[in-house]
Amino acid sequence: MARLKGEHDQATAARLEKARVEAALQSDLARLVVLRQSQEESSRNLADQTARIRNELANLDRQTADLAQRIAVALDTEQTAIIARAEQQVWEQVLLWERAQGPTRLPISGSHSTKYQFVWPEPGSVTSQPFGPSDLVLEPSYSGYAHFHTGIDLAAPELTPVLAADDGVVALVGSTQSGYGNYVVLGHRAGLVTLYGHLKQPLVKAGDVVTQGEPIGLEGSTGNSTGPHLHFEVRLKDQPVDPALYLPPGAPSSFGLNGA
């Protein structure tokens, strides 16, 4: 009798745990839908806000110098907030993906570098902006700095193939008129996540398994961008980390077409 009761209790506990997990996943799914709707709404509104900002900037010459400066600062602050929110929405979606997916477990591919954890996503490019504090006013604040660049920018001719820095699973493929523009996010072993932003065109879809050095997109200038380049970002536990910790040493221009 005691054995039957124990089995019944175990079965009940298993059902309750299954129901709890299903409820959590449903909650995450609902939140993801809201986030995507919010991101789409932000993109729709951005064109109007950008037009308004440009119109106000065009009128600055008709203001006194002091007033013009105050308006310019206020407009920069507003545009920076728009960019920061667009980028944060991407990472909120990544967190939900990580919770649903669990740890990324992949065998090391045969094409993986035997020397480095990552390869350069754009070998032959030039680093146009490093990781860390920045004097560019449209970079969002982070870690106590007014403006902080959370990745590195690599410049090469438009439509240059962008390569997966490591074996991984495509977590997200998306687009926003602000922030990262067209982007691809990959999940890797050891909890690492990489983002590839401002793409002209992604070449993969969510759920694809990619190998290190595989083309995942083409360089462009979408989103918050002043010219063709790749924004490459690495995150660990939702915190941006310096990509140099994982990339081959030196400049990307010193490496071959396979990135290593």
Foldseek 3Di string as FASTA:
>chain_A
DVVVVVVVVVVVVVVVVVVVVVVVLVVLVVVLVVLVVVQVVLQVCVVVLVVVLVVVLVCLVVDPPVVSVVSVVVSLVVLLVSQVVNVVSVLSLVVSLCVVVPADDDDADPPDDPPFQWFAQQFQWFWPAFFFADPDSSAPDDDPHRHTQLFIKTDDDWFRFGWGGAWFFWAAFDAGQAHFGTKTKTADHPQKIKMKGQFPFFPDHGGDTDGHQHGGTTWHAGHPGDTTIITMWMDHPSGTDGCCVGYDDDTSHVDDSSRD
